[in-house]
C-alpha cells in the first residue's frame, strides 16, 4: 500500500532483524535507523523504543557497550513512560550485559531495584528470568550467599510451575508474594 508508513517501518525492522541474524551489523543498523526515523515521525513510541532496543543489541554484539548503553537507556525511558513491562525487562537484561562488560554490575543492581523485581506481575510474566538475572549479577558482585538464596528461589519457582502444569494446581507456591521471605533485603 502506497503511503503505509507503519508497514514500511515494519518492513525495515524485519530487514534489520534478518541482517542482524546474519551478523551484518552495518546493514542492520541502516535499516533500523530508517525504521526508527519513521516511527518517530508518526509518533509510534512503542516502535521507537523497540528501535532503540535493537540498536543497543547491535552495539552489544559489536562490543561497543558505551553506545549500546545510550540506546538502551533511551529504550528504557520510553518503556517506563508507556508502562510496557515486557520491553522494560528485556531492556534491563541487555543493560545488565552492558554494565557487566563495562565492569560496573553494581550500577545495574541499583537500576534493577527501580524495577522492583519482586513484583508479582513481573514474575508471572517472565517466570524465572528475573531470578536468573539477579543471581548472575549477585555472583558477579561477590555476594555468594545472596546469589545462592536467589538461585534457590528460582528453582522453587521452576518446581512450582512444573507442579502447576502437571497437576493443575490453582495457586502456585511462589505466586503469593508473602512466601518470598527475605528477597527484599537482597536489594
C-alpha atoms as a PDB file:
ATOM      1  CA  UNK A   1       0.000   0.000   0.000  1.00  0.00           C
ATOM      2  CA  UNK A   2       1.428   3.332  -1.021  1.00  0.00           C
ATOM      3  CA  UNK A   3       1.899   5.675   1.923  1.00  0.00           C
ATOM      4  CA  UNK A   4       1.719   2.933   4.571  1.00  0.00           C
ATOM      5  CA  UNK A   5       4.378   4.333   6.913  1.00  0.00           C
ATOM      6  CA  UNK A   6       3.724   1.782   9.646  1.00  0.00           C
ATOM      7  CA  UNK A   7       4.089  -1.092   7.186  1.00  0.00           C
ATOM      8  CA  UNK A   8       7.244   0.479   5.809  1.00  0.00           C
ATOM      9  CA  UNK A   9       8.721   0.741   9.310  1.00  0.00           C
ATOM     10  CA  UNK A  10       7.868  -2.913   9.993  1.00  0.00           C
ATOM     11  CA  UNK A  11       9.495  -3.946   6.728  1.00  0.00           C
ATOM     12  CA  UNK A  12      12.665  -2.056   7.578  1.00  0.00           C
ATOM     13  CA  UNK A  13      12.619  -3.616  11.027  1.00  0.00           C
ATOM     14  CA  UNK A  14      12.251  -7.104   9.559  1.00  0.00           C
ATOM     15  CA  UNK A  15      15.134  -6.474   7.160  1.00  0.00           C
ATOM     16  CA  UNK A  16      17.219  -5.259  10.092  1.00  0.00           C
ATOM     17  CA  UNK A  17      16.405  -8.452  12.030  1.00  0.00           C
ATOM     18  CA  UNK A  18      17.455 -10.544   9.038  1.00  0.00           C
ATOM     19  CA  UNK A  19      20.796  -8.764   8.702  1.00  0.00           C
ATOM     20  CA  UNK A  20      21.316  -8.871  12.462  1.00  0.00           C
ATOM     21  CA  UNK A  21      20.842 -12.651  12.461  1.00  0.00           C
ATOM     22  CA  UNK A  22      23.440 -12.910   9.687  1.00  0.00           C
ATOM     23  CA  UNK A  23      25.931 -10.767  11.585  1.00  0.00           C
ATOM     24  CA  UNK A  24      25.738  -7.941   9.033  1.00  0.00           C
ATOM     25  CA  UNK A  25      25.539  -5.214  11.643  1.00  0.00           C
ATOM     26  CA  UNK A  26      26.113  -2.215   9.405  1.00  0.00           C
ATOM     27  CA  UNK A  27      23.182  -3.132   7.141  1.00  0.00           C
ATOM     28  CA  UNK A  28      21.013  -3.970  10.147  1.00  0.00           C
ATOM     29  CA  UNK A  29      21.901  -0.610  11.666  1.00  0.00           C
ATOM     30  CA  UNK A  30      20.975   1.226   8.451  1.00  0.00           C
ATOM     31  CA  UNK A  31      17.557  -0.414   8.242  1.00  0.00           C
ATOM     32  CA  UNK A  32      16.910   0.108  11.942  1.00  0.00           C
ATOM     33  CA  UNK A  33      17.720   3.786  11.545  1.00  0.00           C
ATOM     34  CA  UNK A  34      15.192   4.060   8.700  1.00  0.00           C
ATOM     35  CA  UNK A  35      12.522   2.306  10.763  1.00  0.00           C
ATOM     36  CA  UNK A  36      13.308   4.461  13.792  1.00  0.00           C
ATOM     37  CA  UNK A  37      13.030   7.672  11.778  1.00  0.00           C
ATOM     38  CA  UNK A  38       9.595   6.648  10.502  1.00  0.00           C
ATOM     39  CA  UNK A  39       8.369   5.568  13.941  1.00  0.00           C
ATOM     40  CA  UNK A  40       9.494   8.845  15.484  1.00  0.00           C
ATOM     41  CA  UNK A  41       7.803  10.746  12.656  1.00  0.00           C
ATOM     42  CA  UNK A  42       4.447   9.064  13.162  1.00  0.00           C
ATOM     43  CA  UNK A  43       4.604   9.132  16.964  1.00  0.00           C
ATOM     44  CA  UNK A  44       4.886   5.358  17.468  1.00  0.00           C
ATOM     45  CA  UNK A  45       6.513   5.391  20.936  1.00  0.00           C
ATOM     46  CA  UNK A  46       6.440   1.620  21.331  1.00  0.00           C
ATOM     47  CA  UNK A  47       8.108   1.123  17.964  1.00  0.00           C
ATOM     48  CA  UNK A  48      10.610   3.849  18.778  1.00  0.00           C
ATOM     49  CA  UNK A  49      11.573   2.044  21.998  1.00  0.00           C
ATOM     50  CA  UNK A  50      11.931  -1.242  20.115  1.00  0.00           C
ATOM     51  CA  UNK A  51      14.177   0.502  17.597  1.00  0.00           C
ATOM     52  CA  UNK A  52      16.424   1.833  20.353  1.00  0.00           C
ATOM     53  CA  UNK A  53      16.489  -1.607  21.968  1.00  0.00           C
ATOM     54  CA  UNK A  54      17.545  -3.284  18.725  1.00  0.00           C
ATOM     55  CA  UNK A  55      20.206  -0.639  18.128  1.00  0.00           C
ATOM     56  CA  UNK A  56      21.507  -1.483  21.593  1.00  0.00           C
ATOM     57  CA  UNK A  57      21.640  -5.178  20.699  1.00  0.00           C
ATOM     58  CA  UNK A  58      23.689  -4.390  17.596  1.00  0.00           C
ATOM     59  CA  UNK A  59      26.213  -2.424  19.626  1.00  0.00           C
ATOM     60  CA  UNK A  60      26.374  -5.151  22.286  1.00  0.00           C
ATOM     61  CA  UNK A  61      27.209  -7.697  19.613  1.00  0.00           C
ATOM     62  CA  UNK A  62      29.863  -5.371  18.232  1.00  0.00           C
ATOM     63  CA  UNK A  63      31.336  -4.924  21.709  1.00  0.00           C
ATOM     64  CA  UNK A  64      30.593  -1.183  21.755  1.00  0.00           C
ATOM     65  CA  UNK A  65      28.982  -1.140  25.187  1.00  0.00           C
ATOM     66  CA  UNK A  66      29.031   2.629  25.703  1.00  0.00           C
ATOM     67  CA  UNK A  67      26.960   3.146  22.541  1.00  0.00           C
ATOM     68  CA  UNK A  68      24.716   0.231  23.463  1.00  0.00           C
ATOM     69  CA  UNK A  69      24.069   1.765  26.879  1.00  0.00           C
ATOM     70  CA  UNK A  70      22.973   5.050  25.292  1.00  0.00           C
ATOM     71  CA  UNK A  71      20.418   3.366  23.032  1.00  0.00           C
ATOM     72  CA  UNK A  72      19.208   1.035  25.779  1.00  0.00           C
ATOM     73  CA  UNK A  73      18.681   3.894  28.218  1.00  0.00           C
ATOM     74  CA  UNK A  74      16.546   5.646  25.572  1.00  0.00           C
ATOM     75  CA  UNK A  75      14.513   2.462  25.109  1.00  0.00           C
ATOM     76  CA  UNK A  76      14.106   2.016  28.851  1.00  0.00           C
ATOM     77  CA  UNK A  77      12.904   5.589  29.337  1.00  0.00           C
ATOM     78  CA  UNK A  78      10.180   5.085  26.732  1.00  0.00           C
ATOM     79  CA  UNK A  79       9.168   1.657  28.066  1.00  0.00           C
ATOM     80  CA  UNK A  80       8.874   3.071  31.579  1.00  0.00           C
ATOM     81  CA  UNK A  81       6.907   6.073  30.293  1.00  0.00           C
ATOM     82  CA  UNK A  82       4.474   3.865  28.369  1.00  0.00           C
ATOM     83  CA  UNK A  83       4.257   1.185  31.066  1.00  0.00           C
ATOM     84  CA  UNK A  84       5.445  -1.638  28.805  1.00  0.00           C
ATOM     85  CA  UNK A  85       6.878  -4.057  31.365  1.00  0.00           C
ATOM     86  CA  UNK A  86       7.860  -6.670  28.791  1.00  0.00           C
ATOM     87  CA  UNK A  87      10.085  -4.215  26.945  1.00  0.00           C
ATOM     88  CA  UNK A  88      11.476  -2.815  30.195  1.00  0.00           C
ATOM     89  CA  UNK A  89      12.509  -6.267  31.430  1.00  0.00           C
ATOM     90  CA  UNK A  90      14.219  -7.099  28.138  1.00  0.00           C
ATOM     91  CA  UNK A  91      15.990  -3.748  28.172  1.00  0.00           C
ATOM     92  CA  UNK A  92      17.117  -4.221  31.778  1.00  0.00           C
ATOM     93  CA  UNK A  93      18.588  -7.607  30.818  1.00  0.00           C
ATOM     94  CA  UNK A  94      20.520  -6.041  27.943  1.00  0.00           C
ATOM     95  CA  UNK A  95      21.685  -3.205  30.200  1.00  0.00           C
ATOM     96  CA  UNK A  96      22.924  -5.853  32.608  1.00  0.00           C
ATOM     97  CA  UNK A  97      25.162  -7.221  29.865  1.00  0.00           C
ATOM     98  CA  UNK A  98      26.469  -3.726  29.170  1.00  0.00           C
ATOM     99  CA  UNK A  99      27.185  -2.864  32.787  1.00  0.00           C
ATOM    100  CA  UNK A 100      28.781  -6.271  33.362  1.00  0.00           C
ATOM    101  CA  UNK A 101      31.015  -5.804  30.317  1.00  0.00           C
ATOM    102  CA  UNK A 102      31.881  -2.271  31.398  1.00  0.00           C
ATOM    103  CA  UNK A 103      32.809  -3.600  34.837  1.00  0.00           C
ATOM    104  CA  UNK A 104      30.007  -1.973  36.804  1.00  0.00           C
ATOM    105  CA  UNK A 105      27.434  -4.653  37.751  1.00  0.00           C
ATOM    106  CA  UNK A 106      26.633  -2.777  40.967  1.00  0.00           C
ATOM    107  CA  UNK A 107      25.224   0.110  38.902  1.00  0.00           C
ATOM    108  CA  UNK A 108      22.913  -2.359  37.217  1.00  0.00           C
ATOM    109  CA  UNK A 109      21.782  -3.782  40.554  1.00  0.00           C
ATOM    110  CA  UNK A 110      20.850  -0.269  41.634  1.00  0.00           C
ATOM    111  CA  UNK A 111      18.839   0.213  38.456  1.00  0.00           C
ATOM    112  CA  UNK A 112      17.184  -3.156  38.915  1.00  0.00           C
ATOM    113  CA  UNK A 113      15.758  -2.149  42.276  1.00  0.00           C
ATOM    114  CA  UNK A 114      13.810   0.562  40.473  1.00  0.00           C
ATOM    115  CA  UNK A 115      12.056  -2.183  38.542  1.00  0.00           C
ATOM    116  CA  UNK A 116      11.155  -3.939  41.821  1.00  0.00           C
ATOM    117  CA  UNK A 117      11.868  -7.420  40.570  1.00  0.00           C
ATOM    118  CA  UNK A 118       9.808  -8.965  43.369  1.00  0.00           C
ATOM    119  CA  UNK A 119       6.527  -7.673  41.954  1.00  0.00           C
ATOM    120  CA  UNK A 120       4.099 -10.479  41.245  1.00  0.00           C
ATOM    121  CA  UNK A 121       3.200  -9.277  37.759  1.00  0.00           C
ATOM    122  CA  UNK A 122       6.838  -9.289  36.670  1.00  0.00           C
ATOM    123  CA  UNK A 123       7.446 -12.797  37.959  1.00  0.00           C
ATOM    124  CA  UNK A 124       4.213 -14.101  36.469  1.00  0.00           C
ATOM    125  CA  UNK A 125       5.080 -12.668  33.068  1.00  0.00           C
ATOM    126  CA  UNK A 126       8.714 -13.758  32.981  1.00  0.00           C
ATOM    127  CA  UNK A 127       8.937 -16.915  35.074  1.00  0.00           C
ATOM    128  CA  UNK A 128      12.444 -17.497  36.383  1.00  0.00           C
ATOM    129  CA  UNK A 129      14.260 -14.958  34.176  1.00  0.00           C
ATOM    130  CA  UNK A 130      14.348 -12.244  36.862  1.00  0.00           C
ATOM    131  CA  UNK A 131      15.770 -14.768  39.329  1.00  0.00           C
ATOM    132  CA  UNK A 132      18.451 -15.920  36.876  1.00  0.00           C
ATOM    133  CA  UNK A 133      19.439 -12.365  36.103  1.00  0.00           C
ATOM    134  CA  UNK A 134      19.616 -11.326  39.742  1.00  0.00           C
ATOM    135  CA  UNK A 135      21.567 -14.456  40.730  1.00  0.00           C
ATOM    136  CA  UNK A 136      24.078 -13.844  37.945  1.00  0.00           C
ATOM    137  CA  UNK A 137      24.534 -10.231  38.998  1.00  0.00           C
ATOM    138  CA  UNK A 138      24.924 -11.073  42.676  1.00  0.00           C
ATOM    139  CA  UNK A 139      27.527 -13.697  41.774  1.00  0.00           C
ATOM    140  CA  UNK A 140      29.481 -11.148  39.768  1.00  0.00           C
ATOM    141  CA  UNK A 141      29.426  -8.660  42.657  1.00  0.00           C
ATOM    142  CA  UNK A 142      30.886 -11.260  45.019  1.00  0.00           C
ATOM    143  CA  UNK A 143      27.774 -11.790  47.093  1.00  0.00           C
ATOM    144  CA  UNK A 144      27.619 -15.611  47.013  1.00  0.00           C
ATOM    145  CA  UNK A 145      25.170 -16.067  49.899  1.00  0.00           C
ATOM    146  CA  UNK A 146      22.576 -13.790  48.295  1.00  0.00           C
ATOM    147  CA  UNK A 147      23.188 -15.380  44.877  1.00  0.00           C
ATOM    148  CA  UNK A 148      22.562 -18.853  46.329  1.00  0.00           C
ATOM    149  CA  UNK A 149      19.367 -17.662  48.003  1.00  0.00           C
ATOM    150  CA  UNK A 150      18.041 -16.198  44.760  1.00  0.00           C
ATOM    151  CA  UNK A 151      19.048 -19.368  42.886  1.00  0.00           C
ATOM    152  CA  UNK A 152      17.042 -21.439  45.376  1.00  0.00           C
ATOM    153  CA  UNK A 153      14.047 -19.152  44.824  1.00  0.00           C
ATOM    154  CA  UNK A 154      14.431 -19.683  41.063  1.00  0.00           C
ATOM    155  CA  UNK A 155      14.468 -23.453  41.495  1.00  0.00           C
ATOM    156  CA  UNK A 156      11.443 -23.341  43.774  1.00  0.00           C
ATOM    157  CA  UNK A 157       9.614 -21.218  41.208  1.00  0.00           C
ATOM    158  CA  UNK A 158      10.513 -23.709  38.475  1.00  0.00           C
ATOM    159  CA  UNK A 159       9.240 -26.598  40.596  1.00  0.00           C
ATOM    160  CA  UNK A 160       6.012 -24.720  41.345  1.00  0.00           C
ATOM    161  CA  UNK A 161       5.498 -24.047  37.634  1.00  0.00           C
ATOM    162  CA  UNK A 162       6.118 -27.715  36.815  1.00  0.00           C
ATOM    163  CA  UNK A 163       3.691 -28.877  39.502  1.00  0.00           C
ATOM    164  CA  UNK A 164       1.052 -26.462  38.284  1.00  0.00           C
ATOM    165  CA  UNK A 165       1.428 -27.669  34.707  1.00  0.00           C
ATOM    166  CA  UNK A 166       1.428 -31.329  35.659  1.00  0.00           C
ATOM    167  CA  UNK A 167      -1.192 -31.361  38.412  1.00  0.00           C
ATOM    168  CA  UNK A 168      -3.291 -28.299  37.547  1.00  0.00           C
ATOM    169  CA  UNK A 169      -2.648 -26.681  40.906  1.00  0.00           C
ATOM    170  CA  UNK A 170      -4.690 -23.496  41.118  1.00  0.00           C
ATOM    171  CA  UNK A 171      -2.230 -21.374  43.066  1.00  0.00           C
ATOM    172  CA  UNK A 172       1.496 -21.613  42.561  1.00  0.00           C
ATOM    173  CA  UNK A 173       3.649 -21.966  45.637  1.00  0.00           C
ATOM    174  CA  UNK A 174       5.521 -18.749  44.891  1.00  0.00           C
ATOM    175  CA  UNK A 175       2.545 -16.967  43.394  1.00  0.00           C
ATOM    176  CA  UNK A 176       1.978 -15.403  46.795  1.00  0.00           C
ATOM    177  CA  UNK A 177       4.484 -12.573  47.425  1.00  0.00           C
ATOM    178  CA  UNK A 178       4.387 -13.304  51.172  1.00  0.00           C
ATOM    179  CA  UNK A 179       6.149 -16.632  50.518  1.00  0.00           C
ATOM    180  CA  UNK A 180       9.235 -14.786  49.218  1.00  0.00           C
ATOM    181  CA  UNK A 181      10.582 -14.122  52.699  1.00  0.00           C
ATOM    182  CA  UNK A 182      13.758 -12.112  52.639  1.00  0.00           C
ATOM    183  CA  UNK A 183      14.046 -11.214  48.946  1.00  0.00           C
ATOM    184  CA  UNK A 184      13.511  -7.528  49.777  1.00  0.00           C
ATOM    185  CA  UNK A 185      16.681  -7.489  51.903  1.00  0.00           C
ATOM    186  CA  UNK A 186      18.777  -8.511  48.894  1.00  0.00           C
ATOM    187  CA  UNK A 187      18.010  -5.223  47.200  1.00  0.00           C
END
